[in-house]
Amino acid sequence: MNIQPCTASDRPKTLIACVGNMLLLDEGFGPYMARVLTERSVAGLYFDQAHVDTIMSMFRLDEVNAVDDGRIPVLDAGTIGMGLLPWFREYERIIVIDIIDTKNPAIPAGSVFVLTPEEMAENVVLHSLHDLKLVDVVNNCALAGHTADVSCICVQAKDYEPQDFCIDITPELKAAIPLVMGALMEQLEA
């Protein structure tokens, strides 16, 4: 894979929002991907040194009072739901990384999709009636007059309901990380 950085002037104000619950195996893919994008040691598990250097030069962890150094902020959004509203006000473009469950046995775990929030809503993993779909957050932002260009990079989960809490992801989803990085780079260039 050839990862090429783009400059801040080439893109709208962009945020990578990595969504999920890291205690529920594959449901933690988003937070795990946030680590791949912002921690050299984790990125090094999947990419060679040159690619790791490029990734580290492109992305930074979104932190309170972080200095805008031209890198794209990455938010470990956890299960924040409507708490994403402030970011929708601040950014022109948001790329969400999360898992889905197509419930189609013909689609293997680790398959990567680029979807709109509406398309993602059909396959979103909800754990309770209190969970929100991303499309609901997008629609609430639009009602408040805030619109962002939102796209979703989604990975077909294998197991998001483990018997015990588990801070890891399945091998199938780890194998998908280079594919997710490729999809992310394509979205950034679009």
N, C-alpha and C. Protein backbone atom coordinates (compact mmCIF):
# COMPACT_ATOMS: atom_id res chain seq x y z
N MET A 1 0.84 -1.16 0.00
CA MET A 1 0.00 0.00 0.00
C MET A 1 0.89 1.24 0.00
N ASN A 2 0.48 2.23 -0.76
CA ASN A 2 1.24 3.46 -0.84
C ASN A 2 0.44 4.56 -0.13
N ILE A 3 0.89 4.99 1.01
CA ILE A 3 0.21 6.03 1.78
C ILE A 3 0.92 7.34 1.49
N GLN A 4 0.18 8.29 0.92
CA GLN A 4 0.73 9.60 0.59
C GLN A 4 0.04 10.66 1.43
N PRO A 5 0.80 11.48 2.14
CA PRO A 5 0.16 12.53 2.93
C PRO A 5 -0.45 13.60 2.04
N CYS A 6 -1.52 14.22 2.51
CA CYS A 6 -2.06 15.38 1.83
C CYS A 6 -1.90 16.56 2.78
N THR A 7 -1.80 17.75 2.23
CA THR A 7 -1.57 18.92 3.07
C THR A 7 -2.90 19.47 3.58
N ALA A 8 -2.83 20.23 4.64
CA ALA A 8 -4.03 20.80 5.25
C ALA A 8 -4.79 21.68 4.26
N SER A 9 -4.07 22.36 3.36
CA SER A 9 -4.74 23.23 2.40
C SER A 9 -5.49 22.44 1.34
N ASP A 10 -5.21 21.14 1.20
CA ASP A 10 -5.87 20.30 0.20
C ASP A 10 -7.22 19.79 0.64
N ARG A 11 -7.61 19.97 1.90
CA ARG A 11 -8.81 19.33 2.41
C ARG A 11 -9.61 20.27 3.31
N PRO A 12 -10.91 20.00 3.42
CA PRO A 12 -11.70 20.76 4.39
C PRO A 12 -11.28 20.39 5.80
N LYS A 13 -11.70 21.18 6.78
CA LYS A 13 -11.38 20.89 8.17
C LYS A 13 -11.99 19.53 8.53
N THR A 14 -11.12 18.56 8.80
CA THR A 14 -11.51 17.15 8.88
C THR A 14 -11.22 16.56 10.25
N LEU A 15 -12.10 15.65 10.68
CA LEU A 15 -11.94 14.88 11.91
C LEU A 15 -12.17 13.42 11.59
N ILE A 16 -11.34 12.56 12.17
CA ILE A 16 -11.57 11.12 12.11
C ILE A 16 -12.17 10.74 13.46
N ALA A 17 -13.42 10.24 13.46
CA ALA A 17 -14.12 9.86 14.69
C ALA A 17 -14.19 8.34 14.75
N CYS A 18 -13.47 7.75 15.69
CA CYS A 18 -13.41 6.30 15.84
C CYS A 18 -14.36 5.89 16.96
N VAL A 19 -15.41 5.17 16.59
CA VAL A 19 -16.53 4.89 17.49
C VAL A 19 -16.50 3.44 17.96
N GLY A 20 -16.86 3.22 19.22
CA GLY A 20 -17.02 1.85 19.70
C GLY A 20 -16.71 1.71 21.18
N ASN A 21 -17.07 0.55 21.69
CA ASN A 21 -16.85 0.22 23.10
C ASN A 21 -15.71 -0.79 23.19
N MET A 22 -14.57 -0.34 23.66
CA MET A 22 -13.38 -1.19 23.68
C MET A 22 -13.47 -2.38 24.62
N LEU A 23 -14.52 -2.48 25.43
CA LEU A 23 -14.67 -3.62 26.33
C LEU A 23 -15.39 -4.80 25.68
N LEU A 24 -15.92 -4.61 24.47
CA LEU A 24 -16.74 -5.62 23.83
C LEU A 24 -16.11 -6.18 22.55
N LEU A 25 -14.89 -6.63 22.64
CA LEU A 25 -14.16 -7.27 21.55
C LEU A 25 -14.22 -6.43 20.28
N ASP A 26 -14.84 -6.92 19.20
CA ASP A 26 -14.82 -6.20 17.93
C ASP A 26 -15.52 -4.85 18.00
N GLU A 27 -16.42 -4.65 18.95
CA GLU A 27 -17.07 -3.35 19.13
C GLU A 27 -16.00 -2.29 19.43
N GLY A 28 -14.84 -2.72 19.86
CA GLY A 28 -13.73 -1.81 20.14
C GLY A 28 -12.85 -1.50 18.94
N PHE A 29 -13.28 -1.88 17.74
CA PHE A 29 -12.45 -1.64 16.56
C PHE A 29 -12.16 -0.16 16.36
N GLY A 30 -13.16 0.70 16.53
CA GLY A 30 -12.94 2.14 16.34
C GLY A 30 -11.86 2.67 17.26
N PRO A 31 -11.98 2.46 18.59
CA PRO A 31 -10.92 2.92 19.48
C PRO A 31 -9.55 2.29 19.16
N TYR A 32 -9.56 1.03 18.74
CA TYR A 32 -8.29 0.38 18.38
C TYR A 32 -7.68 1.09 17.16
N MET A 33 -8.53 1.43 16.19
CA MET A 33 -8.04 2.12 15.00
C MET A 33 -7.52 3.51 15.35
N ALA A 34 -8.12 4.16 16.36
CA ALA A 34 -7.60 5.46 16.80
C ALA A 34 -6.15 5.31 17.27
N ARG A 35 -5.88 4.20 17.94
CA ARG A 35 -4.51 3.94 18.40
C ARG A 35 -3.57 3.68 17.22
N VAL A 36 -4.05 2.96 16.21
CA VAL A 36 -3.22 2.71 15.02
C VAL A 36 -2.83 4.04 14.38
N LEU A 37 -3.77 4.98 14.34
CA LEU A 37 -3.53 6.26 13.68
C LEU A 37 -2.68 7.23 14.49
N THR A 38 -2.59 7.02 15.81
CA THR A 38 -1.92 8.02 16.65
C THR A 38 -0.77 7.50 17.50
N GLU A 39 -0.60 6.18 17.57
CA GLU A 39 0.48 5.63 18.38
C GLU A 39 1.45 4.84 17.49
N ARG A 40 2.66 5.31 17.46
CA ARG A 40 3.69 4.72 16.61
C ARG A 40 3.83 3.21 16.86
N SER A 41 3.84 2.78 18.11
CA SER A 41 4.05 1.37 18.42
C SER A 41 2.92 0.49 17.90
N VAL A 42 1.69 0.99 17.93
CA VAL A 42 0.55 0.21 17.44
C VAL A 42 0.55 0.20 15.91
N ALA A 43 0.80 1.34 15.30
CA ALA A 43 0.87 1.39 13.83
C ALA A 43 1.96 0.46 13.31
N GLY A 44 3.07 0.34 14.06
CA GLY A 44 4.18 -0.51 13.66
C GLY A 44 3.84 -1.99 13.62
N LEU A 45 2.74 -2.38 14.25
CA LEU A 45 2.30 -3.78 14.18
C LEU A 45 1.73 -4.13 12.80
N TYR A 46 1.35 -3.10 12.02
CA TYR A 46 0.66 -3.32 10.76
C TYR A 46 1.36 -2.75 9.54
N PHE A 47 2.30 -1.82 9.75
CA PHE A 47 2.91 -1.13 8.63
C PHE A 47 4.42 -1.04 8.82
N ASP A 48 5.13 -0.89 7.70
CA ASP A 48 6.58 -0.74 7.78
C ASP A 48 6.92 0.67 8.27
N GLN A 49 8.18 0.90 8.58
CA GLN A 49 8.61 2.15 9.21
C GLN A 49 8.28 3.38 8.37
N ALA A 50 8.45 3.31 7.07
CA ALA A 50 8.15 4.46 6.21
C ALA A 50 6.67 4.81 6.28
N HIS A 51 5.81 3.80 6.27
CA HIS A 51 4.37 4.06 6.36
C HIS A 51 4.00 4.57 7.75
N VAL A 52 4.62 4.04 8.77
CA VAL A 52 4.35 4.52 10.13
C VAL A 52 4.73 6.00 10.23
N ASP A 53 5.88 6.37 9.67
CA ASP A 53 6.29 7.78 9.70
C ASP A 53 5.26 8.67 9.00
N THR A 54 4.73 8.20 7.87
CA THR A 54 3.72 8.97 7.14
C THR A 54 2.44 9.09 7.96
N ILE A 55 2.00 7.98 8.56
CA ILE A 55 0.79 8.00 9.39
C ILE A 55 0.96 8.99 10.54
N MET A 56 2.09 8.92 11.22
CA MET A 56 2.32 9.81 12.37
C MET A 56 2.40 11.28 11.93
N SER A 57 2.83 11.52 10.69
CA SER A 57 2.90 12.90 10.20
C SER A 57 1.54 13.43 9.74
N MET A 58 0.57 12.52 9.55
CA MET A 58 -0.75 12.92 9.06
C MET A 58 -1.79 13.07 10.16
N PHE A 59 -1.68 12.28 11.24
CA PHE A 59 -2.74 12.21 12.24
C PHE A 59 -2.22 12.54 13.63
N ARG A 60 -3.10 13.10 14.46
CA ARG A 60 -2.79 13.35 15.86
C ARG A 60 -4.03 13.08 16.69
N LEU A 61 -3.85 12.73 17.93
CA LEU A 61 -4.96 12.51 18.84
C LEU A 61 -5.65 13.83 19.11
N ASP A 62 -6.98 13.85 19.03
CA ASP A 62 -7.75 15.05 19.33
C ASP A 62 -7.80 15.21 20.85
N GLU A 63 -7.14 16.23 21.34
CA GLU A 63 -7.08 16.47 22.79
C GLU A 63 -7.49 17.90 23.08
N VAL A 64 -8.00 18.11 24.26
CA VAL A 64 -8.36 19.46 24.69
C VAL A 64 -7.11 20.33 24.63
N ASN A 65 -7.26 21.52 24.09
CA ASN A 65 -6.17 22.49 23.98
C ASN A 65 -5.01 22.02 23.10
N ALA A 66 -5.26 21.05 22.20
CA ALA A 66 -4.20 20.61 21.30
C ALA A 66 -3.88 21.71 20.30
N VAL A 67 -2.62 21.84 20.00
CA VAL A 67 -2.17 22.83 19.03
C VAL A 67 -2.44 22.29 17.63
N ASP A 68 -3.05 23.11 16.77
CA ASP A 68 -3.30 22.70 15.40
C ASP A 68 -1.98 22.74 14.65
N ASP A 69 -1.42 21.57 14.42
CA ASP A 69 -0.13 21.48 13.74
C ASP A 69 -0.27 21.01 12.30
N GLY A 70 -1.49 21.05 11.77
CA GLY A 70 -1.73 20.65 10.39
C GLY A 70 -2.09 19.18 10.23
N ARG A 71 -1.88 18.40 11.29
CA ARG A 71 -2.27 16.99 11.20
C ARG A 71 -3.77 16.86 11.45
N ILE A 72 -4.35 15.78 10.95
CA ILE A 72 -5.78 15.54 11.09
C ILE A 72 -6.04 14.98 12.49
N PRO A 73 -6.95 15.60 13.24
CA PRO A 73 -7.26 15.08 14.57
C PRO A 73 -8.06 13.78 14.50
N VAL A 74 -7.75 12.88 15.41
CA VAL A 74 -8.42 11.58 15.54
C VAL A 74 -9.07 11.56 16.91
N LEU A 75 -10.38 11.36 16.93
CA LEU A 75 -11.14 11.32 18.17
C LEU A 75 -11.49 9.87 18.50
N ASP A 76 -11.07 9.42 19.67
CA ASP A 76 -11.56 8.15 20.19
C ASP A 76 -12.91 8.48 20.79
N ALA A 77 -13.97 8.31 20.00
CA ALA A 77 -15.30 8.77 20.38
C ALA A 77 -16.04 7.81 21.30
N GLY A 78 -15.49 6.62 21.51
CA GLY A 78 -16.16 5.67 22.38
C GLY A 78 -17.59 5.47 21.98
N THR A 79 -18.50 5.52 22.94
CA THR A 79 -19.94 5.37 22.68
C THR A 79 -20.65 6.68 22.97
N ILE A 80 -20.08 7.75 22.51
CA ILE A 80 -20.45 9.11 22.88
C ILE A 80 -21.82 9.55 22.34
N GLY A 81 -22.33 9.01 21.26
CA GLY A 81 -23.65 9.35 20.73
C GLY A 81 -23.83 10.83 20.46
N MET A 82 -24.86 11.40 21.09
CA MET A 82 -25.15 12.82 20.86
C MET A 82 -24.04 13.73 21.36
N GLY A 83 -23.13 13.19 22.13
CA GLY A 83 -21.97 13.97 22.56
C GLY A 83 -21.08 14.37 21.40
N LEU A 84 -21.31 13.80 20.22
CA LEU A 84 -20.54 14.19 19.03
C LEU A 84 -20.98 15.54 18.47
N LEU A 85 -22.10 16.06 18.91
CA LEU A 85 -22.64 17.30 18.36
C LEU A 85 -21.62 18.44 18.29
N PRO A 86 -20.83 18.70 19.34
CA PRO A 86 -19.86 19.80 19.24
C PRO A 86 -18.86 19.62 18.10
N TRP A 87 -18.47 18.39 17.82
CA TRP A 87 -17.52 18.16 16.73
C TRP A 87 -18.19 18.40 15.37
N PHE A 88 -19.47 18.09 15.26
CA PHE A 88 -20.18 18.35 14.01
C PHE A 88 -20.28 19.84 13.75
N ARG A 89 -20.28 20.64 14.78
CA ARG A 89 -20.30 22.09 14.62
C ARG A 89 -18.94 22.61 14.18
N GLU A 90 -17.89 21.96 14.65
CA GLU A 90 -16.53 22.47 14.43
C GLU A 90 -15.91 22.03 13.10
N TYR A 91 -16.29 20.85 12.61
CA TYR A 91 -15.61 20.28 11.43
C TYR A 91 -16.52 20.26 10.21
N GLU A 92 -15.90 20.49 9.05
CA GLU A 92 -16.62 20.45 7.78
C GLU A 92 -16.80 19.01 7.29
N ARG A 93 -15.86 18.17 7.66
CA ARG A 93 -15.87 16.80 7.18
C ARG A 93 -15.53 15.86 8.35
N ILE A 94 -16.33 14.81 8.49
CA ILE A 94 -16.09 13.82 9.54
C ILE A 94 -16.10 12.44 8.90
N ILE A 95 -15.04 11.70 9.15
CA ILE A 95 -14.95 10.32 8.69
C ILE A 95 -15.05 9.45 9.93
N VAL A 96 -16.10 8.64 9.98
CA VAL A 96 -16.37 7.77 11.12
C VAL A 96 -15.81 6.39 10.83
N ILE A 97 -15.15 5.79 11.81
CA ILE A 97 -14.67 4.41 11.70
C ILE A 97 -15.40 3.60 12.77
N ASP A 98 -16.08 2.53 12.33
CA ASP A 98 -16.90 1.74 13.25
C ASP A 98 -17.10 0.35 12.66
N ILE A 99 -17.73 -0.51 13.45
CA ILE A 99 -18.09 -1.84 12.94
C ILE A 99 -19.55 -1.82 12.49
N ILE A 100 -19.90 -2.82 11.71
CA ILE A 100 -21.29 -3.07 11.35
C ILE A 100 -21.54 -4.57 11.45
N ASP A 101 -22.80 -4.93 11.42
CA ASP A 101 -23.18 -6.33 11.32
C ASP A 101 -24.23 -6.44 10.24
N THR A 102 -23.83 -6.91 9.07
CA THR A 102 -24.75 -7.04 7.94
C THR A 102 -25.72 -8.19 8.13
N LYS A 103 -25.43 -9.06 9.07
CA LYS A 103 -26.23 -10.26 9.32
C LYS A 103 -26.31 -11.15 8.08
N ASN A 104 -25.34 -10.99 7.21
CA ASN A 104 -25.26 -11.80 6.00
C ASN A 104 -24.08 -12.75 6.15
N PRO A 105 -24.32 -14.06 6.31
CA PRO A 105 -23.22 -15.01 6.51
C PRO A 105 -22.26 -15.10 5.33
N ALA A 106 -22.67 -14.60 4.18
CA ALA A 106 -21.79 -14.63 3.00
C ALA A 106 -20.73 -13.54 3.04
N ILE A 107 -20.91 -12.56 3.93
CA ILE A 107 -19.94 -11.46 4.05
C ILE A 107 -19.01 -11.79 5.21
N PRO A 108 -17.74 -12.04 4.90
CA PRO A 108 -16.81 -12.45 5.98
C PRO A 108 -16.45 -11.32 6.93
N ALA A 109 -16.17 -11.69 8.16
CA ALA A 109 -15.67 -10.73 9.15
C ALA A 109 -14.41 -10.07 8.60
N GLY A 110 -14.30 -8.79 8.80
CA GLY A 110 -13.15 -8.05 8.30
C GLY A 110 -13.40 -7.39 6.96
N SER A 111 -14.56 -7.64 6.34
CA SER A 111 -14.90 -6.95 5.09
C SER A 111 -15.07 -5.47 5.38
N VAL A 112 -14.58 -4.63 4.48
CA VAL A 112 -14.57 -3.18 4.69
C VAL A 112 -15.53 -2.51 3.72
N PHE A 113 -16.32 -1.59 4.23
CA PHE A 113 -17.29 -0.85 3.44
C PHE A 113 -17.14 0.64 3.70
N VAL A 114 -17.38 1.45 2.68
CA VAL A 114 -17.48 2.90 2.85
C VAL A 114 -18.95 3.23 2.59
N LEU A 115 -19.60 3.76 3.63
CA LEU A 115 -21.04 3.97 3.60
C LEU A 115 -21.40 5.39 4.00
N THR A 116 -22.60 5.81 3.63
CA THR A 116 -23.17 7.04 4.17
C THR A 116 -23.74 6.71 5.54
N PRO A 117 -24.03 7.71 6.36
CA PRO A 117 -24.67 7.42 7.65
C PRO A 117 -26.00 6.68 7.48
N GLU A 118 -26.74 7.01 6.42
CA GLU A 118 -28.02 6.35 6.17
C GLU A 118 -27.82 4.87 5.84
N GLU A 119 -26.80 4.58 5.02
CA GLU A 119 -26.51 3.18 4.68
C GLU A 119 -26.00 2.42 5.91
N MET A 120 -25.20 3.08 6.71
CA MET A 120 -24.67 2.44 7.91
C MET A 120 -25.80 2.10 8.89
N ALA A 121 -26.83 2.95 8.95
CA ALA A 121 -27.93 2.76 9.90
C ALA A 121 -28.60 1.40 9.73
N GLU A 122 -28.60 0.88 8.51
CA GLU A 122 -29.24 -0.41 8.25
C GLU A 122 -28.48 -1.57 8.90
N ASN A 123 -27.20 -1.37 9.20
CA ASN A 123 -26.34 -2.45 9.70
C ASN A 123 -25.65 -2.14 11.02
N VAL A 124 -26.07 -1.07 11.66
CA VAL A 124 -25.39 -0.62 12.88
C VAL A 124 -25.61 -1.63 14.01
N VAL A 125 -24.64 -1.71 14.88
CA VAL A 125 -24.72 -2.58 16.05
C VAL A 125 -25.25 -1.75 17.21
N LEU A 126 -26.44 -2.11 17.69
CA LEU A 126 -27.04 -1.43 18.83
C LEU A 126 -27.11 -2.43 19.99
N HIS A 127 -26.69 -1.99 21.16
CA HIS A 127 -26.68 -2.88 22.32
C HIS A 127 -27.89 -2.68 23.23
N SER A 128 -28.56 -1.54 23.09
CA SER A 128 -29.74 -1.30 23.91
C SER A 128 -30.63 -0.29 23.22
N LEU A 129 -31.80 -0.07 23.77
CA LEU A 129 -32.72 0.93 23.23
C LEU A 129 -32.20 2.34 23.45
N HIS A 130 -31.16 2.50 24.27
CA HIS A 130 -30.59 3.82 24.54
C HIS A 130 -29.54 4.21 23.50
N ASP A 131 -29.08 3.24 22.70
CA ASP A 131 -28.07 3.53 21.69
C ASP A 131 -28.67 4.40 20.58
N LEU A 132 -27.84 5.23 19.98
CA LEU A 132 -28.25 6.08 18.87
C LEU A 132 -27.54 5.65 17.61
N LYS A 133 -28.20 5.81 16.50
CA LYS A 133 -27.56 5.60 15.21
C LYS A 133 -26.87 6.89 14.81
N LEU A 134 -25.76 6.77 14.11
CA LEU A 134 -25.02 7.95 13.66
C LEU A 134 -25.92 8.86 12.84
N VAL A 135 -26.79 8.28 12.02
CA VAL A 135 -27.68 9.09 11.20
C VAL A 135 -28.57 9.98 12.07
N ASP A 136 -28.92 9.52 13.28
CA ASP A 136 -29.71 10.35 14.20
C ASP A 136 -28.91 11.57 14.67
N VAL A 137 -27.63 11.36 14.92
CA VAL A 137 -26.75 12.47 15.31
C VAL A 137 -26.63 13.47 14.16
N VAL A 138 -26.42 12.96 12.95
CA VAL A 138 -26.30 13.82 11.76
C VAL A 138 -27.58 14.62 11.57
N ASN A 139 -28.74 13.96 11.69
CA ASN A 139 -30.02 14.65 11.50
C ASN A 139 -30.25 15.71 12.57
N ASN A 140 -29.88 15.43 13.82
CA ASN A 140 -30.02 16.43 14.89
C ASN A 140 -29.13 17.63 14.64
N CYS A 141 -27.94 17.39 14.13
CA CYS A 141 -27.04 18.50 13.80
C CYS A 141 -27.63 19.36 12.69
N ALA A 142 -28.21 18.70 11.69
CA ALA A 142 -28.81 19.44 10.58
C ALA A 142 -29.96 20.30 11.07
N LEU A 143 -30.76 19.77 11.99
CA LEU A 143 -31.87 20.55 12.56
C LEU A 143 -31.36 21.79 13.30
N ALA A 144 -30.16 21.69 13.86
CA ALA A 144 -29.56 22.82 14.58
C ALA A 144 -28.79 23.74 13.63
N GLY A 145 -28.82 23.42 12.33
CA GLY A 145 -28.15 24.27 11.35
C GLY A 145 -26.69 23.95 11.11
N HIS A 146 -26.24 22.81 11.58
CA HIS A 146 -24.84 22.43 11.40
C HIS A 146 -24.78 21.22 10.48
N THR A 147 -24.10 21.39 9.37
CA THR A 147 -23.97 20.25 8.46
C THR A 147 -22.49 19.96 8.25
N ALA A 148 -22.18 18.73 8.24
CA ALA A 148 -20.82 18.28 7.94
C ALA A 148 -20.95 17.18 6.89
N ASP A 149 -19.95 17.05 6.08
CA ASP A 149 -19.88 15.95 5.12
C ASP A 149 -19.41 14.73 5.92
N VAL A 150 -20.29 13.74 6.09
CA VAL A 150 -19.97 12.59 6.92
C VAL A 150 -19.93 11.33 6.06
N SER A 151 -18.85 10.58 6.18
CA SER A 151 -18.75 9.26 5.56
C SER A 151 -18.31 8.28 6.62
N CYS A 152 -18.60 7.02 6.39
CA CYS A 152 -18.35 5.98 7.39
C CYS A 152 -17.52 4.86 6.77
N ILE A 153 -16.43 4.52 7.42
CA ILE A 153 -15.64 3.35 7.04
C ILE A 153 -16.01 2.28 8.05
N CYS A 154 -16.65 1.24 7.56
CA CYS A 154 -17.22 0.22 8.44
C CYS A 154 -16.60 -1.14 8.15
N VAL A 155 -16.42 -1.90 9.21
CA VAL A 155 -15.85 -3.25 9.11
C VAL A 155 -16.86 -4.25 9.64
N GLN A 156 -17.08 -5.30 8.86
CA GLN A 156 -17.98 -6.37 9.31
C GLN A 156 -17.37 -7.04 10.54
N ALA A 157 -18.11 -7.02 11.63
CA ALA A 157 -17.63 -7.58 12.90
C ALA A 157 -17.74 -9.10 12.88
N LYS A 158 -16.92 -9.72 13.72
CA LYS A 158 -17.04 -11.16 13.95
C LYS A 158 -17.74 -11.41 15.28
N ASP A 159 -17.26 -10.75 16.34
CA ASP A 159 -17.81 -10.98 17.68
C ASP A 159 -17.82 -9.67 18.45
N TYR A 160 -19.01 -9.17 18.71
CA TYR A 160 -19.14 -7.94 19.50
C TYR A 160 -19.98 -8.17 20.75
N GLU A 161 -20.19 -9.43 21.10
CA GLU A 161 -20.91 -9.76 22.33
C GLU A 161 -20.19 -10.88 23.06
N PRO A 162 -18.95 -10.60 23.52
CA PRO A 162 -18.19 -11.66 24.20
C PRO A 162 -18.82 -12.03 25.54
N GLN A 163 -18.52 -13.23 26.01
CA GLN A 163 -19.02 -13.69 27.31
C GLN A 163 -18.50 -12.80 28.44
N ASP A 164 -17.25 -12.38 28.33
CA ASP A 164 -16.61 -11.51 29.33
C ASP A 164 -16.07 -10.28 28.62
N PHE A 165 -15.90 -9.20 29.36
CA PHE A 165 -15.26 -8.02 28.78
C PHE A 165 -13.90 -8.41 28.24
N CYS A 166 -13.55 -7.85 27.09
CA CYS A 166 -12.30 -8.22 26.44
C CYS A 166 -11.76 -7.02 25.67
N ILE A 167 -10.62 -6.50 26.08
CA ILE A 167 -10.01 -5.35 25.40
C ILE A 167 -9.08 -5.87 24.33
N ASP A 168 -9.66 -6.20 23.20
CA ASP A 168 -8.92 -6.67 22.03
C ASP A 168 -9.91 -6.73 20.87
N ILE A 169 -9.43 -7.04 19.69
CA ILE A 169 -10.29 -7.29 18.54
C ILE A 169 -9.87 -8.62 17.94
N THR A 170 -10.77 -9.24 17.19
CA THR A 170 -10.50 -10.55 16.61
C THR A 170 -9.43 -10.45 15.51
N PRO A 171 -8.75 -11.56 15.22
CA PRO A 171 -7.73 -11.56 14.16
C PRO A 171 -8.28 -11.10 12.81
N GLU A 172 -9.53 -11.41 12.52
CA GLU A 172 -10.12 -10.99 11.25
C GLU A 172 -10.16 -9.47 11.13
N LEU A 173 -10.46 -8.79 12.23
CA LEU A 173 -10.50 -7.34 12.18
C LEU A 173 -9.10 -6.73 12.20
N LYS A 174 -8.18 -7.38 12.88
CA LYS A 174 -6.78 -6.91 12.81
C LYS A 174 -6.27 -7.00 11.38
N ALA A 175 -6.64 -8.07 10.68
CA ALA A 175 -6.21 -8.25 9.29
C ALA A 175 -6.81 -7.18 8.37
N ALA A 176 -7.92 -6.58 8.78
CA ALA A 176 -8.58 -5.57 7.96
C ALA A 176 -7.96 -4.18 8.11
N ILE A 177 -7.09 -3.98 9.07
CA ILE A 177 -6.54 -2.64 9.33
C ILE A 177 -5.87 -2.02 8.11
N PRO A 178 -5.03 -2.73 7.34
CA PRO A 178 -4.49 -2.11 6.13
C PRO A 178 -5.57 -1.71 5.12
N LEU A 179 -6.65 -2.49 5.03
CA LEU A 179 -7.75 -2.15 4.12
C LEU A 179 -8.48 -0.90 4.61
N VAL A 180 -8.68 -0.79 5.91
CA VAL A 180 -9.31 0.40 6.47
C VAL A 180 -8.42 1.62 6.22
N MET A 181 -7.13 1.46 6.37
CA MET A 181 -6.20 2.58 6.10
C MET A 181 -6.30 2.99 4.63
N GLY A 182 -6.36 2.01 3.73
CA GLY A 182 -6.52 2.34 2.31
C GLY A 182 -7.81 3.09 2.05
N ALA A 183 -8.92 2.64 2.67
CA ALA A 183 -10.21 3.33 2.49
C ALA A 183 -10.14 4.74 3.07
N LEU A 184 -9.46 4.89 4.20
CA LEU A 184 -9.33 6.21 4.82
C LEU A 184 -8.55 7.15 3.91
N MET A 185 -7.47 6.67 3.34
CA MET A 185 -6.67 7.51 2.45
C MET A 185 -7.48 7.91 1.22
N GLU A 186 -8.28 6.99 0.67
CA GLU A 186 -9.14 7.32 -0.48
C GLU A 186 -10.16 8.38 -0.10
N GLN A 187 -10.74 8.26 1.09
CA GLN A 187 -11.73 9.27 1.54
C GLN A 187 -11.07 10.63 1.70
N LEU A 188 -9.85 10.66 2.21
CA LEU A 188 -9.16 11.93 2.40
C LEU A 188 -8.80 12.59 1.08
N GLU A 189 -8.58 11.78 0.07
CA GLU A 189 -8.24 12.33 -1.26
C GLU A 189 -9.47 12.73 -2.06
N ALA A 190 -10.65 12.24 -1.66
CA ALA A 190 -11.88 12.53 -2.43
C ALA A 190 -12.32 13.96 -2.25
